[in-house]
PDB file of all heavy atoms in Angstrom:
ATOM      1  N   ASP A   1      24.979  -5.731  14.248  1.00  0.00           N
ATOM      2  CA  ASP A   1      24.523  -5.948  15.621  1.00  0.00           C
ATOM      3  C   ASP A   1      23.104  -5.443  15.835  1.00  0.00           C
ATOM      4  O   ASP A   1      22.576  -5.533  16.933  1.00  0.00           O
ATOM      5  CB  ASP A   1      25.467  -5.291  16.623  1.00  0.00           C
ATOM      6  CG  ASP A   1      25.654  -3.795  16.393  1.00  0.00           C
ATOM      7  OD1 ASP A   1      24.822  -3.195  15.675  1.00  0.00           O
ATOM      8  OD2 ASP A   1      26.634  -3.225  16.905  1.00  0.00           O
ATOM      9  N   PHE A   2      22.474  -4.923  14.750  1.00  0.00           N
ATOM     10  CA  PHE A   2      21.125  -4.372  14.909  1.00  0.00           C
ATOM     11  C   PHE A   2      20.043  -5.323  14.447  1.00  0.00           C
ATOM     12  O   PHE A   2      18.877  -5.072  14.648  1.00  0.00           O
ATOM     13  CB  PHE A   2      20.981  -3.044  14.153  1.00  0.00           C
ATOM     14  CG  PHE A   2      21.435  -3.089  12.722  1.00  0.00           C
ATOM     15  CD1 PHE A   2      20.683  -3.685  11.742  1.00  0.00           C
ATOM     16  CD2 PHE A   2      22.653  -2.514  12.359  1.00  0.00           C
ATOM     17  CE1 PHE A   2      21.111  -3.714  10.422  1.00  0.00           C
ATOM     18  CE2 PHE A   2      23.086  -2.537  11.044  1.00  0.00           C
ATOM     19  CZ  PHE A   2      22.310  -3.139  10.077  1.00  0.00           C
ATOM     20  N   GLY A   3      20.395  -6.428  13.806  1.00  0.00           N
ATOM     21  CA  GLY A   3      19.387  -7.374  13.339  1.00  0.00           C
ATOM     22  C   GLY A   3      18.494  -6.772  12.276  1.00  0.00           C
ATOM     23  O   GLY A   3      18.812  -5.760  11.663  1.00  0.00           O
ATOM     24  N   ALA A   4      17.360  -7.396  12.047  1.00  0.00           N
ATOM     25  CA  ALA A   4      16.409  -6.876  11.067  1.00  0.00           C
ATOM     26  C   ALA A   4      15.718  -5.653  11.645  1.00  0.00           C
ATOM     27  O   ALA A   4      15.321  -5.637  12.792  1.00  0.00           O
ATOM     28  CB  ALA A   4      15.363  -7.946  10.732  1.00  0.00           C
ATOM     29  N   ASN A   5      15.585  -4.603  10.847  1.00  0.00           N
ATOM     30  CA  ASN A   5      14.881  -3.429  11.347  1.00  0.00           C
ATOM     31  C   ASN A   5      14.268  -2.657  10.198  1.00  0.00           C
ATOM     32  O   ASN A   5      14.587  -2.872   9.037  1.00  0.00           O
ATOM     33  CB  ASN A   5      15.822  -2.528  12.161  1.00  0.00           C
ATOM     34  CG  ASN A   5      16.843  -1.826  11.290  1.00  0.00           C
ATOM     35  OD1 ASN A   5      16.522  -0.852  10.643  1.00  0.00           O
ATOM     36  ND2 ASN A   5      18.069  -2.316  11.263  1.00  0.00           N
ATOM     37  N   SER A   6      13.378  -1.738  10.554  1.00  0.00           N
ATOM     38  CA  SER A   6      12.568  -1.053   9.548  1.00  0.00           C
ATOM     39  C   SER A   6      13.330  -0.020   8.745  1.00  0.00           C
ATOM     40  O   SER A   6      12.773   0.587   7.839  1.00  0.00           O
ATOM     41  CB  SER A   6      11.380  -0.372  10.237  1.00  0.00           C
ATOM     42  OG  SER A   6      11.837   0.594  11.161  1.00  0.00           O
ATOM     43  N   GLU A   7      14.612   0.223   9.056  1.00  0.00           N
ATOM     44  CA  GLU A   7      15.366   1.230   8.312  1.00  0.00           C
ATOM     45  C   GLU A   7      16.141   0.637   7.145  1.00  0.00           C
ATOM     46  O   GLU A   7      16.734   1.361   6.362  1.00  0.00           O
ATOM     47  CB  GLU A   7      16.345   1.948   9.249  1.00  0.00           C
ATOM     48  CG  GLU A   7      15.656   2.692  10.385  1.00  0.00           C
ATOM     49  CD  GLU A   7      14.581   3.634   9.885  1.00  0.00           C
ATOM     50  OE1 GLU A   7      14.828   4.388   8.926  1.00  0.00           O
ATOM     51  OE2 GLU A   7      13.474   3.617  10.443  1.00  0.00           O
ATOM     52  N   THR A   8      16.192  -0.681   7.029  1.00  0.00           N
ATOM     53  CA  THR A   8      16.924  -1.264   5.912  1.00  0.00           C
ATOM     54  C   THR A   8      16.152  -1.042   4.631  1.00  0.00           C
ATOM     55  O   THR A   8      14.928  -1.021   4.602  1.00  0.00           O
ATOM     56  CB  THR A   8      17.152  -2.769   6.123  1.00  0.00           C
ATOM     57  OG1 THR A   8      15.889  -3.396   6.282  1.00  0.00           O
ATOM     58  CG2 THR A   8      18.011  -3.026   7.354  1.00  0.00           C
ATOM     59  N   THR A   9      16.879  -0.914   3.517  1.00  0.00           N
ATOM     60  CA  THR A   9      16.207  -0.553   2.271  1.00  0.00           C
ATOM     61  C   THR A   9      15.299  -1.648   1.757  1.00  0.00           C
ATOM     62  O   THR A   9      14.319  -1.367   1.076  1.00  0.00           O
ATOM     63  CB  THR A   9      17.222  -0.186   1.176  1.00  0.00           C
ATOM     64  OG1 THR A   9      18.255  -1.176   1.143  1.00  0.00           O
ATOM     65  CG2 THR A   9      17.804   1.171   1.397  1.00  0.00           C
ATOM     66  N   ILE A  10      15.603  -2.925   2.056  1.00  0.00           N
ATOM     67  CA  ILE A  10      14.709  -3.977   1.591  1.00  0.00           C
ATOM     68  C   ILE A  10      13.337  -3.807   2.231  1.00  0.00           C
ATOM     69  O   ILE A  10      12.314  -3.956   1.579  1.00  0.00           O
ATOM     70  CB  ILE A  10      15.292  -5.380   1.878  1.00  0.00           C
ATOM     71  CG1 ILE A  10      14.382  -6.475   1.327  1.00  0.00           C
ATOM     72  CG2 ILE A  10      15.546  -5.604   3.355  1.00  0.00           C
ATOM     73  CD1 ILE A  10      14.263  -6.481  -0.161  1.00  0.00           C
ATOM     74  N   TYR A  11      13.284  -3.445   3.515  1.00  0.00           N
ATOM     75  CA  TYR A  11      12.025  -3.214   4.213  1.00  0.00           C
ATOM     76  C   TYR A  11      11.336  -1.983   3.630  1.00  0.00           C
ATOM     77  O   TYR A  11      10.145  -2.018   3.306  1.00  0.00           O
ATOM     78  CB  TYR A  11      12.296  -3.025   5.706  1.00  0.00           C
ATOM     79  CG  TYR A  11      11.041  -2.831   6.539  1.00  0.00           C
ATOM     80  CD1 TYR A  11      10.524  -3.879   7.286  1.00  0.00           C
ATOM     81  CD2 TYR A  11      10.389  -1.613   6.585  1.00  0.00           C
ATOM     82  CE1 TYR A  11       9.382  -3.714   8.057  1.00  0.00           C
ATOM     83  CE2 TYR A  11       9.248  -1.437   7.341  1.00  0.00           C
ATOM     84  CZ  TYR A  11       8.751  -2.498   8.078  1.00  0.00           C
ATOM     85  OH  TYR A  11       7.620  -2.319   8.823  1.00  0.00           O
ATOM     86  N   ALA A  12      12.093  -0.906   3.474  1.00  0.00           N
ATOM     87  CA  ALA A  12      11.493   0.351   3.016  1.00  0.00           C
ATOM     88  C   ALA A  12      10.918   0.214   1.614  1.00  0.00           C
ATOM     89  O   ALA A  12       9.834   0.717   1.317  1.00  0.00           O
ATOM     90  CB  ALA A  12      12.536   1.463   3.050  1.00  0.00           C
ATOM     91  N   ARG A  13      11.649  -0.478   0.728  1.00  0.00           N
ATOM     92  CA  ARG A  13      11.170  -0.599  -0.650  1.00  0.00           C
ATOM     93  C   ARG A  13       9.940  -1.485  -0.725  1.00  0.00           C
ATOM     94  O   ARG A  13       8.976  -1.187  -1.434  1.00  0.00           O
ATOM     95  CB  ARG A  13      12.280  -1.154  -1.549  1.00  0.00           C
ATOM     96  CG  ARG A  13      11.879  -1.189  -3.021  1.00  0.00           C
ATOM     97  CD  ARG A  13      13.101  -1.373  -3.903  1.00  0.00           C
ATOM     98  NE  ARG A  13      13.726  -2.673  -3.690  1.00  0.00           N
ATOM     99  CZ  ARG A  13      13.328  -3.794  -4.298  1.00  0.00           C
ATOM    100  NH1 ARG A  13      12.276  -3.776  -5.097  1.00  0.00           N
ATOM    101  NH2 ARG A  13      13.959  -4.931  -4.099  1.00  0.00           N
ATOM    102  N   ARG A  14       9.963  -2.600  -0.001  1.00  0.00           N
ATOM    103  CA  ARG A  14       8.798  -3.484   0.009  1.00  0.00           C
ATOM    104  C   ARG A  14       7.594  -2.759   0.606  1.00  0.00           C
ATOM    105  O   ARG A  14       6.472  -2.920   0.137  1.00  0.00           O
ATOM    106  CB  ARG A  14       9.093  -4.738   0.821  1.00  0.00           C
ATOM    107  CG  ARG A  14      10.228  -5.603   0.292  1.00  0.00           C
ATOM    108  CD  ARG A  14       9.988  -6.058  -1.125  1.00  0.00           C
ATOM    109  NE  ARG A  14      10.927  -7.097  -1.499  1.00  0.00           N
ATOM    110  CZ  ARG A  14      11.370  -7.283  -2.718  1.00  0.00           C
ATOM    111  NH1 ARG A  14      10.983  -6.476  -3.693  1.00  0.00           N
ATOM    112  NH2 ARG A  14      12.195  -8.272  -3.001  1.00  0.00           N
ATOM    113  N   ARG A  15       7.819  -1.968   1.650  1.00  0.00           N
ATOM    114  CA  ARG A  15       6.717  -1.239   2.283  1.00  0.00           C
ATOM    115  C   ARG A  15       6.117  -0.232   1.309  1.00  0.00           C
ATOM    116  O   ARG A  15       4.904  -0.038   1.265  1.00  0.00           O
ATOM    117  CB  ARG A  15       7.215  -0.538   3.543  1.00  0.00           C
ATOM    118  CG  ARG A  15       6.101   0.047   4.386  1.00  0.00           C
ATOM    119  CD  ARG A  15       6.651   0.645   5.658  1.00  0.00           C
ATOM    120  NE  ARG A  15       7.543   1.766   5.370  1.00  0.00           N
ATOM    121  CZ  ARG A  15       8.257   2.392   6.292  1.00  0.00           C
ATOM    122  NH1 ARG A  15       8.209   1.990   7.556  1.00  0.00           N
ATOM    123  NH2 ARG A  15       9.029   3.393   5.971  1.00  0.00           N
ATOM    124  N   LEU A  16       6.954   0.414   0.512  1.00  0.00           N
ATOM    125  CA  LEU A  16       6.461   1.339  -0.499  1.00  0.00           C
ATOM    126  C   LEU A  16       5.599   0.601  -1.516  1.00  0.00           C
ATOM    127  O   LEU A  16       4.539   1.091  -1.931  1.00  0.00           O
ATOM    128  CB  LEU A  16       7.633   2.021  -1.203  1.00  0.00           C
ATOM    129  CG  LEU A  16       7.269   3.005  -2.322  1.00  0.00           C
ATOM    130  CD1 LEU A  16       6.420   4.148  -1.770  1.00  0.00           C
ATOM    131  CD2 LEU A  16       8.531   3.552  -2.983  1.00  0.00           C
ATOM    132  N   ASP A  17       6.046  -0.603  -1.917  1.00  0.00           N
ATOM    133  CA  ASP A  17       5.236  -1.420  -2.820  1.00  0.00           C
ATOM    134  C   ASP A  17       3.858  -1.667  -2.232  1.00  0.00           C
ATOM    135  O   ASP A  17       2.842  -1.583  -2.930  1.00  0.00           O
ATOM    136  CB  ASP A  17       5.925  -2.766  -3.092  1.00  0.00           C
ATOM    137  CG  ASP A  17       7.171  -2.620  -3.938  1.00  0.00           C
ATOM    138  OD1 ASP A  17       7.303  -1.594  -4.632  1.00  0.00           O
ATOM    139  OD2 ASP A  17       8.015  -3.538  -3.901  1.00  0.00           O
ATOM    140  N   LEU A  18       3.818  -1.979  -0.944  1.00  0.00           N
ATOM    141  CA  LEU A  18       2.541  -2.269  -0.298  1.00  0.00           C
ATOM    142  C   LEU A  18       1.675  -1.021  -0.184  1.00  0.00           C
ATOM    143  O   LEU A  18       0.456  -1.084  -0.365  1.00  0.00           O
ATOM    144  CB  LEU A  18       2.777  -2.867   1.087  1.00  0.00           C
ATOM    145  CG  LEU A  18       3.454  -4.239   1.128  1.00  0.00           C
ATOM    146  CD1 LEU A  18       3.569  -4.712   2.566  1.00  0.00           C
ATOM    147  CD2 LEU A  18       2.691  -5.255   0.306  1.00  0.00           C
ATOM    148  N   ASP A  19       2.287   0.115   0.123  1.00  0.00           N
ATOM    149  CA  ASP A  19       1.531   1.366   0.196  1.00  0.00           C
ATOM    150  C   ASP A  19       0.873   1.681  -1.146  1.00  0.00           C
ATOM    151  O   ASP A  19      -0.283   2.090  -1.207  1.00  0.00           O
ATOM    152  CB  ASP A  19       2.458   2.517   0.601  1.00  0.00           C
ATOM    153  CG  ASP A  19       2.798   2.497   2.086  1.00  0.00           C
ATOM    154  OD1 ASP A  19       2.036   1.876   2.848  1.00  0.00           O
ATOM    155  OD2 ASP A  19       3.819   3.095   2.465  1.00  0.00           O
ATOM    156  N   GLU A  20       1.633   1.489  -2.225  1.00  0.00           N
ATOM    157  CA  GLU A  20       1.093   1.756  -3.554  1.00  0.00           C
ATOM    158  C   GLU A  20      -0.043   0.792  -3.882  1.00  0.00           C
ATOM    159  O   GLU A  20      -1.059   1.171  -4.464  1.00  0.00           O
ATOM    160  CB  GLU A  20       2.206   1.647  -4.590  1.00  0.00           C
ATOM    161  CG  GLU A  20       3.246   2.761  -4.476  1.00  0.00           C
ATOM    162  CD  GLU A  20       4.403   2.562  -5.431  1.00  0.00           C
ATOM    163  OE1 GLU A  20       4.499   1.464  -6.032  1.00  0.00           O
ATOM    164  OE2 GLU A  20       5.216   3.492  -5.577  1.00  0.00           O
ATOM    165  N   ARG A  21       0.138  -0.465  -3.493  1.00  0.00           N
ATOM    166  CA  ARG A  21      -0.903  -1.469  -3.755  1.00  0.00           C
ATOM    167  C   ARG A  21      -2.181  -1.119  -3.009  1.00  0.00           C
ATOM    168  O   ARG A  21      -3.287  -1.179  -3.563  1.00  0.00           O
ATOM    169  CB  ARG A  21      -0.398  -2.846  -3.332  1.00  0.00           C
ATOM    170  CG  ARG A  21      -1.441  -3.949  -3.380  1.00  0.00           C
ATOM    171  CD  ARG A  21      -0.820  -5.274  -2.958  1.00  0.00           C
ATOM    172  NE  ARG A  21      -1.796  -6.329  -2.912  1.00  0.00           N
ATOM    173  CZ  ARG A  21      -2.519  -6.630  -1.843  1.00  0.00           C
ATOM    174  NH1 ARG A  21      -2.386  -5.910  -0.744  1.00  0.00           N
ATOM    175  NH2 ARG A  21      -3.381  -7.637  -1.870  1.00  0.00           N
ATOM    176  N   MET A  22      -2.050  -0.751  -1.721  1.00  0.00           N
ATOM    177  CA  MET A  22      -3.231  -0.443  -0.927  1.00  0.00           C
ATOM    178  C   MET A  22      -3.905   0.838  -1.398  1.00  0.00           C
ATOM    179  O   MET A  22      -5.128   0.952  -1.369  1.00  0.00           O
ATOM    180  CB  MET A  22      -2.851  -0.353   0.552  1.00  0.00           C
ATOM    181  CG  MET A  22      -2.599  -1.728   1.163  1.00  0.00           C
ATOM    182  SD  MET A  22      -2.346  -1.709   2.959  1.00  0.00           S
ATOM    183  CE  MET A  22      -0.660  -1.136   3.013  1.00  0.00           C
ATOM    184  N   ALA A  23      -3.111   1.798  -1.877  1.00  0.00           N
ATOM    185  CA  ALA A  23      -3.693   3.024  -2.416  1.00  0.00           C
ATOM    186  C   ALA A  23      -4.526   2.713  -3.659  1.00  0.00           C
ATOM    187  O   ALA A  23      -5.612   3.254  -3.855  1.00  0.00           O
ATOM    188  CB  ALA A  23      -2.589   4.026  -2.760  1.00  0.00           C
ATOM    189  N   LEU A  24      -4.013   1.786  -4.487  1.00  0.00           N
ATOM    190  CA  LEU A  24      -4.751   1.386  -5.683  1.00  0.00           C
ATOM    191  C   LEU A  24      -6.045   0.676  -5.302  1.00  0.00           C
ATOM    192  O   LEU A  24      -7.106   0.937  -5.890  1.00  0.00           O
ATOM    193  CB  LEU A  24      -3.874   0.458  -6.543  1.00  0.00           C
ATOM    194  CG  LEU A  24      -4.538  -0.087  -7.818  1.00  0.00           C
ATOM    195  CD1 LEU A  24      -4.946   1.055  -8.745  1.00  0.00           C
ATOM    196  CD2 LEU A  24      -3.595  -1.042  -8.531  1.00  0.00           C
ATOM    197  N   LEU A  25      -5.972  -0.195  -4.293  1.00  0.00           N
ATOM    198  CA  LEU A  25      -7.177  -0.889  -3.845  1.00  0.00           C
ATOM    199  C   LEU A  25      -8.198   0.093  -3.284  1.00  0.00           C
ATOM    200  O   LEU A  25      -9.402  -0.058  -3.500  1.00  0.00           O
ATOM    201  CB  LEU A  25      -6.813  -1.925  -2.786  1.00  0.00           C
ATOM    202  CG  LEU A  25      -6.006  -3.139  -3.285  1.00  0.00           C
ATOM    203  CD1 LEU A  25      -5.650  -4.044  -2.105  1.00  0.00           C
ATOM    204  CD2 LEU A  25      -6.785  -3.916  -4.334  1.00  0.00           C
ATOM    205  N   ASP A  26      -7.731   1.118  -2.562  1.00  0.00           N
ATOM    206  CA  ASP A  26      -8.636   2.143  -2.029  1.00  0.00           C
ATOM    207  C   ASP A  26      -9.328   2.886  -3.164  1.00  0.00           C
ATOM    208  O   ASP A  26     -10.537   3.164  -3.100  1.00  0.00           O
ATOM    209  CB  ASP A  26      -7.853   3.131  -1.166  1.00  0.00           C
ATOM    210  CG  ASP A  26      -7.451   2.534   0.178  1.00  0.00           C
ATOM    211  OD1 ASP A  26      -8.045   1.508   0.562  1.00  0.00           O
ATOM    212  OD2 ASP A  26      -6.542   3.090   0.821  1.00  0.00           O
ATOM    213  N   GLU A  27      -8.559   3.223  -4.216  1.00  0.00           N
ATOM    214  CA  GLU A  27      -9.138   3.910  -5.369  1.00  0.00           C
ATOM    215  C   GLU A  27     -10.201   3.042  -6.036  1.00  0.00           C
ATOM    216  O   GLU A  27     -11.272   3.523  -6.419  1.00  0.00           O
ATOM    217  CB  GLU A  27      -8.042   4.256  -6.370  1.00  0.00           C
ATOM    218  CG  GLU A  27      -7.087   5.342  -5.895  1.00  0.00           C
ATOM    219  CD  GLU A  27      -5.983   5.607  -6.898  1.00  0.00           C
ATOM    220  OE1 GLU A  27      -6.036   5.005  -7.994  1.00  0.00           O
ATOM    221  OE2 GLU A  27      -5.086   6.406  -6.596  1.00  0.00           O
ATOM    222  N   GLN A  28      -9.892   1.737  -6.167  1.00  0.00           N
ATOM    223  CA  GLN A  28     -10.863   0.831  -6.787  1.00  0.00           C
ATOM    224  C   GLN A  28     -12.116   0.702  -5.937  1.00  0.00           C
ATOM    225  O   GLN A  28     -13.230   0.646  -6.458  1.00  0.00           O
ATOM    226  CB  GLN A  28     -10.206  -0.545  -6.987  1.00  0.00           C
ATOM    227  CG  GLN A  28      -9.085  -0.530  -8.028  1.00  0.00           C
ATOM    228  CD  GLN A  28      -8.354  -1.861  -8.093  1.00  0.00           C
ATOM    229  OE1 GLN A  28      -8.448  -2.689  -7.187  1.00  0.00           O
ATOM    230  NE2 GLN A  28      -7.625  -2.076  -9.163  1.00  0.00           N
ATOM    231  N   ASP A  29     -11.925   0.681  -4.594  1.00  0.00           N
ATOM    232  CA  ASP A  29     -13.060   0.569  -3.692  1.00  0.00           C
ATOM    233  C   ASP A  29     -13.951   1.803  -3.798  1.00  0.00           C
ATOM    234  O   ASP A  29     -15.178   1.696  -3.855  1.00  0.00           O
ATOM    235  CB  ASP A  29     -12.552   0.404  -2.255  1.00  0.00           C
ATOM    236  CG  ASP A  29     -13.686   0.155  -1.281  1.00  0.00           C
ATOM    237  OD1 ASP A  29     -14.492  -0.759  -1.526  1.00  0.00           O
ATOM    238  OD2 ASP A  29     -13.766   0.891  -0.272  1.00  0.00           O
ATOM    239  N   VAL A  30     -13.339   2.990  -3.861  1.00  0.00           N
ATOM    240  CA  VAL A  30     -14.112   4.232  -3.999  1.00  0.00           C
ATOM    241  C   VAL A  30     -14.853   4.235  -5.335  1.00  0.00           C
ATOM    242  O   VAL A  30     -16.031   4.615  -5.409  1.00  0.00           O
ATOM    243  CB  VAL A  30     -13.170   5.450  -3.901  1.00  0.00           C
ATOM    244  CG1 VAL A  30     -13.917   6.732  -4.303  1.00  0.00           C
ATOM    245  CG2 VAL A  30     -12.614   5.589  -2.494  1.00  0.00           C
ATOM    246  N   ALA A  31     -14.169   3.787  -6.394  1.00  0.00           N
ATOM    247  CA  ALA A  31     -14.800   3.763  -7.720  1.00  0.00           C
ATOM    248  C   ALA A  31     -15.991   2.804  -7.728  1.00  0.00           C
ATOM    249  O   ALA A  31     -17.048   3.104  -8.308  1.00  0.00           O
ATOM    250  CB  ALA A  31     -13.770   3.352  -8.770  1.00  0.00           C
ATOM    251  N   ASN A  32     -15.837   1.650  -7.087  1.00  0.00           N
ATOM    252  CA  ASN A  32     -16.929   0.675  -7.040  1.00  0.00           C
ATOM    253  C   ASN A  32     -18.121   1.223  -6.260  1.00  0.00           C
ATOM    254  O   ASN A  32     -19.285   1.035  -6.659  1.00  0.00           O
ATOM    255  CB  ASN A  32     -16.445  -0.630  -6.396  1.00  0.00           C
ATOM    256  CG  ASN A  32     -15.468  -1.386  -7.291  1.00  0.00           C
ATOM    257  OD1 ASN A  32     -15.477  -1.209  -8.506  1.00  0.00           O
ATOM    258  ND2 ASN A  32     -14.632  -2.217  -6.695  1.00  0.00           N
ATOM    259  N   LYS A  33     -17.834   1.895  -5.135  1.00  0.00           N
ATOM    260  CA  LYS A  33     -18.925   2.469  -4.345  1.00  0.00           C
ATOM    261  C   LYS A  33     -19.634   3.567  -5.134  1.00  0.00           C
ATOM    262  O   LYS A  33     -20.855   3.720  -5.052  1.00  0.00           O
ATOM    263  CB  LYS A  33     -18.373   3.034  -3.035  1.00  0.00           C
ATOM    264  CG  LYS A  33     -17.946   1.961  -2.050  1.00  0.00           C
ATOM    265  CD  LYS A  33     -17.384   2.564  -0.777  1.00  0.00           C
ATOM    266  CE  LYS A  33     -16.978   1.474   0.211  1.00  0.00           C
ATOM    267  NZ  LYS A  33     -16.370   2.033   1.449  1.00  0.00           N
ATOM    268  N   ARG A  34     -18.855   4.342  -5.926  1.00  0.00           N
ATOM    269  CA  ARG A  34     -19.449   5.405  -6.733  1.00  0.00           C
ATOM    270  C   ARG A  34     -20.395   4.808  -7.777  1.00  0.00           C
ATOM    271  O   ARG A  34     -21.481   5.333  -8.040  1.00  0.00           O
ATOM    272  CB  ARG A  34     -18.357   6.217  -7.399  1.00  0.00           C
ATOM    273  CG  ARG A  34     -18.890   7.445  -8.161  1.00  0.00           C
ATOM    274  CD  ARG A  34     -17.773   8.241  -8.797  1.00  0.00           C
ATOM    275  NE  ARG A  34     -16.882   8.804  -7.779  1.00  0.00           N
ATOM    276  CZ  ARG A  34     -15.591   8.511  -7.665  1.00  0.00           C
ATOM    277  NH1 ARG A  34     -15.041   7.633  -8.497  1.00  0.00           N
ATOM    278  NH2 ARG A  34     -14.850   9.046  -6.715  1.00  0.00           N
ATOM    279  N   LYS A  35     -19.990   3.670  -8.383  1.00  0.00           N
ATOM    280  CA  LYS A  35     -20.839   3.013  -9.366  1.00  0.00           C
ATOM    281  C   LYS A  35     -22.135   2.542  -8.731  1.00  0.00           C
ATOM    282  O   LYS A  35     -23.212   2.643  -9.323  1.00  0.00           O
ATOM    283  CB  LYS A  35     -20.088   1.833  -9.986  1.00  0.00           C
ATOM    284  CG  LYS A  35     -18.956   2.245 -10.915  1.00  0.00           C
ATOM    285  CD  LYS A  35     -18.244   1.029 -11.494  1.00  0.00           C
ATOM    286  CE  LYS A  35     -17.107   1.440 -12.410  1.00  0.00           C
ATOM    287  NZ  LYS A  35     -16.384   0.256 -12.955  1.00  0.00           N
ATOM    288  N   ILE A  36     -22.028   1.997  -7.495  1.00  0.00           N
ATOM    289  CA  ILE A  36     -23.236   1.513  -6.820  1.00  0.00           C
ATOM    290  C   ILE A  36     -24.190   2.671  -6.533  1.00  0.00           C
ATOM    291  O   ILE A  36     -25.405   2.575  -6.741  1.00  0.00           O
ATOM    292  CB  ILE A  36     -22.837   0.809  -5.498  1.00  0.00           C
ATOM    293  CG1 ILE A  36     -22.095  -0.480  -5.816  1.00  0.00           C
ATOM    294  CG2 ILE A  36     -24.072   0.531  -4.642  1.00  0.00           C
ATOM    295  CD1 ILE A  36     -21.521  -1.177  -4.590  1.00  0.00           C
ATOM    296  N   ILE A  37     -23.642   3.802  -6.099  1.00  0.00           N
ATOM    297  CA  ILE A  37     -24.464   4.987  -5.821  1.00  0.00           C
ATOM    298  C   ILE A  37     -25.141   5.466  -7.101  1.00  0.00           C
ATOM    299  O   ILE A  37     -26.329   5.823  -7.096  1.00  0.00           O
ATOM    300  CB  ILE A  37     -23.596   6.108  -5.212  1.00  0.00           C
ATOM    301  CG1 ILE A  37     -23.124   5.689  -3.806  1.00  0.00           C
ATOM    302  CG2 ILE A  37     -24.367   7.431  -5.152  1.00  0.00           C
ATOM    303  CD1 ILE A  37     -22.132   6.641  -3.201  1.00  0.00           C
ATOM    304  N   GLU A  38     -24.393   5.459  -8.200  1.00  0.00           N
ATOM    305  CA  GLU A  38     -24.957   5.909  -9.470  1.00  0.00           C
ATOM    306  C   GLU A  38     -26.085   4.996  -9.910  1.00  0.00           C
ATOM    307  O   GLU A  38     -27.126   5.448 -10.402  1.00  0.00           O
ATOM    308  CB  GLU A  38     -23.850   5.947 -10.539  1.00  0.00           C
ATOM    309  CG  GLU A  38     -22.832   7.062 -10.312  1.00  0.00           C
ATOM    310  CD  GLU A  38     -21.692   6.993 -11.310  1.00  0.00           C
ATOM    311  OE1 GLU A  38     -21.628   6.005 -12.068  1.00  0.00           O
ATOM    312  OE2 GLU A  38     -20.871   7.939 -11.334  1.00  0.00           O
TER     313      GLU A  38
END
């Protein structure tokens, strides 16, 4: 009776995947900016 919601494990696991992906992209962005500064 609760429908789709953010507490289901399919949502939580997919969200973790996205968090990890974005963290990796942030690291790559910082590394690229560091190369440009160098």
